[in-house]
Amino acid sequence: MIPQSGSVAVLPPYGPVRISGVETLIVCGEPDAFLVLALDQWLLRLPMSKLDVAGFRAVSSHADLAAAFRVLRSRPKPQRPWSGRQGTYEAALRRGSLVDVALVVRDLHPVHEPGTERYRLYGTALDWLIRETATIEGSSLAAARERILATLNGPSSL
């Protein structure tokens, strides 16, 4: 993927990010190209040579989004103790696939314990899923959120 200024891409574990441009900076006396990414209210500079290592990817396709919504409609697996699931969910967010993010949202929905690690992981995954869904569909964040929550709260398709 060749990043273009103004386009949107995905950087795990942040989710969708807007590409602001490319800058050349002097690091240790050598010029290096950095991709400038806009994340909410701050900028991140990622070395162009590290894009693959960081998991930088294009926004998912409509087929990937359909697969993520199939996951959201499916039933969660039987619950293991939290200590065993936390690492699994964190690894899924680091991998950055939209289906993996949907698995985290599905398994942790609904979360009623604000301030817990479970609540933080759920919020991170849900925000990512909302932003990437809105980007793929060209809809508002509110419409994407409504669609995701309706799918989670709706009847199971199994």
Protein backbone atom coordinates (compact mmCIF):
# COMPACT_ATOMS: atom_id res chain seq x y z
CA MET A 1 0.00 0.00 0.00
CA ILE A 2 1.36 3.40 -0.98
CA PRO A 3 0.05 5.93 1.54
CA GLN A 4 -1.52 9.07 0.11
CA SER A 5 -2.12 12.28 2.03
CA GLY A 6 -5.76 12.69 3.06
CA SER A 7 -6.62 9.01 2.80
CA VAL A 8 -7.55 6.73 5.69
CA ALA A 9 -5.65 3.59 6.70
CA VAL A 10 -5.54 1.33 9.76
CA LEU A 11 -2.76 1.19 12.34
CA PRO A 12 -3.20 -1.42 15.07
CA PRO A 13 -3.94 -0.88 17.92
CA TYR A 14 -5.29 2.60 17.12
CA GLY A 15 -7.71 1.65 14.36
CA PRO A 16 -8.46 3.96 11.42
CA VAL A 17 -6.13 6.95 11.09
CA ARG A 18 -6.02 9.81 8.57
CA ILE A 19 -2.75 10.22 6.68
CA SER A 20 -1.61 13.84 6.94
CA GLY A 21 1.48 13.51 4.80
CA VAL A 22 5.10 12.43 4.67
CA GLU A 23 7.95 14.29 6.40
CA THR A 24 11.68 13.83 6.19
CA LEU A 25 13.40 14.21 9.54
CA ILE A 26 17.03 13.91 10.56
CA VAL A 27 17.45 11.00 12.99
CA CYS A 28 20.95 10.19 14.29
CA GLY A 29 22.40 12.40 11.56
CA GLU A 30 20.60 10.53 8.74
CA PRO A 31 17.48 11.66 6.86
CA ASP A 32 14.50 9.35 7.34
CA ALA A 33 10.98 9.50 5.85
CA PHE A 34 8.07 9.46 8.30
CA LEU A 35 4.39 9.01 7.64
CA VAL A 36 2.40 11.60 9.62
CA LEU A 37 -0.86 10.15 10.95
CA ALA A 38 -3.70 12.12 12.55
CA LEU A 39 -5.21 10.35 15.57
CA ASP A 40 -8.07 12.33 17.08
CA GLN A 41 -6.26 15.35 18.53
CA TRP A 42 -2.62 14.32 18.14
CA LEU A 43 -0.15 13.37 15.43
CA LEU A 44 1.93 10.22 15.18
CA ARG A 45 5.05 9.99 13.04
CA LEU A 46 5.74 6.45 11.87
CA PRO A 47 8.96 5.64 10.00
CA MET A 48 8.14 4.53 6.45
CA SER A 49 10.57 1.64 6.91
CA LYS A 50 8.48 0.32 9.83
CA LEU A 51 5.01 0.31 8.23
CA ASP A 52 4.89 -3.49 7.82
CA VAL A 53 6.28 -4.17 11.29
CA ALA A 54 3.66 -1.84 12.83
CA GLY A 55 0.83 -3.66 11.02
CA PHE A 56 -0.12 -0.63 8.90
CA ARG A 57 -2.81 -1.67 6.40
CA ALA A 58 -5.49 -0.37 4.08
CA VAL A 59 -9.04 0.00 5.35
CA SER A 60 -10.93 -3.30 5.21
CA SER A 61 -13.16 -4.21 2.27
CA HIS A 62 -16.95 -4.57 2.23
CA ALA A 63 -16.46 -8.36 2.33
CA ASP A 64 -14.37 -8.03 5.51
CA LEU A 65 -17.06 -5.82 7.01
CA ALA A 66 -19.74 -8.41 6.16
CA ALA A 67 -17.62 -11.09 7.85
CA ALA A 68 -17.24 -8.86 10.94
CA PHE A 69 -21.02 -8.41 11.14
CA ARG A 70 -21.49 -12.19 10.85
CA VAL A 71 -19.20 -12.50 13.88
CA LEU A 72 -21.24 -9.89 15.76
CA ARG A 73 -24.44 -11.88 15.06
CA SER A 74 -22.92 -15.17 16.20
CA ARG A 75 -22.97 -16.44 19.76
CA PRO A 76 -19.94 -15.87 21.97
CA LYS A 77 -17.89 -18.89 22.98
CA PRO A 78 -18.22 -20.21 26.53
CA GLN A 79 -16.45 -17.91 28.95
CA ARG A 80 -13.02 -18.81 30.31
CA PRO A 81 -11.60 -17.01 33.33
CA TRP A 82 -10.78 -13.36 32.58
CA SER A 83 -7.05 -13.90 33.15
CA GLY A 84 -6.98 -16.30 30.20
CA ARG A 85 -9.12 -14.19 27.87
CA GLN A 86 -7.47 -10.81 28.44
CA GLY A 87 -4.27 -11.76 26.62
CA THR A 88 -6.28 -13.25 23.75
CA TYR A 89 -8.25 -10.03 23.31
CA GLU A 90 -5.16 -7.83 23.50
CA ALA A 91 -3.44 -9.98 20.86
CA ALA A 92 -6.52 -9.72 18.62
CA LEU A 93 -6.37 -5.93 18.80
CA ARG A 94 -2.63 -5.96 18.00
CA ARG A 95 -3.27 -8.14 14.92
CA GLY A 96 -5.70 -5.53 13.73
CA SER A 97 -8.00 -7.57 11.49
CA LEU A 98 -11.56 -6.24 11.46
CA VAL A 99 -12.91 -9.73 12.21
CA ASP A 100 -10.60 -9.99 15.25
CA VAL A 101 -11.83 -6.62 16.49
CA ALA A 102 -15.45 -7.77 16.02
CA LEU A 103 -14.69 -10.91 18.08
CA VAL A 104 -13.50 -8.76 20.98
CA VAL A 105 -16.60 -6.55 20.78
CA ARG A 106 -18.94 -9.57 20.58
CA ASP A 107 -17.33 -11.43 23.47
CA LEU A 108 -17.18 -8.42 25.81
CA HIS A 109 -20.61 -6.92 25.03
CA PRO A 110 -22.25 -5.73 27.24
CA VAL A 111 -19.75 -4.53 29.83
CA HIS A 112 -21.14 -2.96 32.98
CA GLU A 113 -17.96 -2.39 35.00
CA PRO A 114 -16.54 1.06 34.11
CA GLY A 115 -12.91 1.49 35.08
CA THR A 116 -11.96 -2.15 34.53
CA GLU A 117 -9.55 -3.59 31.97
CA ARG A 118 -12.49 -5.40 30.35
CA TYR A 119 -14.29 -2.07 29.92
CA ARG A 120 -11.17 -0.45 28.40
CA LEU A 121 -10.66 -3.28 25.90
CA TYR A 122 -14.34 -3.25 24.95
CA GLY A 123 -14.30 0.53 24.48
CA THR A 124 -11.16 0.41 22.35
CA ALA A 125 -12.50 -2.38 20.14
CA LEU A 126 -15.97 -0.83 19.80
CA ASP A 127 -14.53 2.59 18.88
CA TRP A 128 -12.26 0.97 16.28
CA LEU A 129 -15.15 -1.03 14.81
CA ILE A 130 -17.38 2.06 14.67
CA ARG A 131 -14.73 4.21 12.97
CA GLU A 132 -13.74 1.56 10.42
CA THR A 133 -17.41 0.72 9.66
CA ALA A 134 -18.18 4.40 9.10
CA THR A 135 -15.13 4.73 6.83
CA ILE A 136 -16.03 1.67 4.73
CA GLU A 137 -19.73 2.56 4.42
CA GLY A 138 -19.18 6.31 4.08
CA SER A 139 -21.65 6.87 6.93
CA SER A 140 -21.55 8.92 10.10
CA LEU A 141 -20.05 7.59 13.32
CA ALA A 142 -23.51 7.71 14.93
CA ALA A 143 -25.05 5.60 12.14
CA ALA A 144 -22.22 3.06 12.34
CA ARG A 145 -22.55 2.86 16.14
CA GLU A 146 -26.30 2.36 15.87
CA ARG A 147 -25.90 -0.42 13.30
CA ILE A 148 -23.26 -2.24 15.38
CA LEU A 149 -25.23 -2.01 18.63
CA ALA A 150 -28.45 -3.10 16.89
CA THR A 151 -26.61 -6.12 15.51
CA LEU A 152 -25.20 -6.98 18.94
CA ASN A 153 -28.55 -6.56 20.69
CA GLY A 154 -30.61 -8.23 17.98
CA PRO A 155 -31.68 -11.86 17.77
CA SER A 156 -28.96 -14.41 17.05
CA SER A 157 -28.83 -15.68 13.50
CA LEU A 158 -27.82 -19.19 14.61
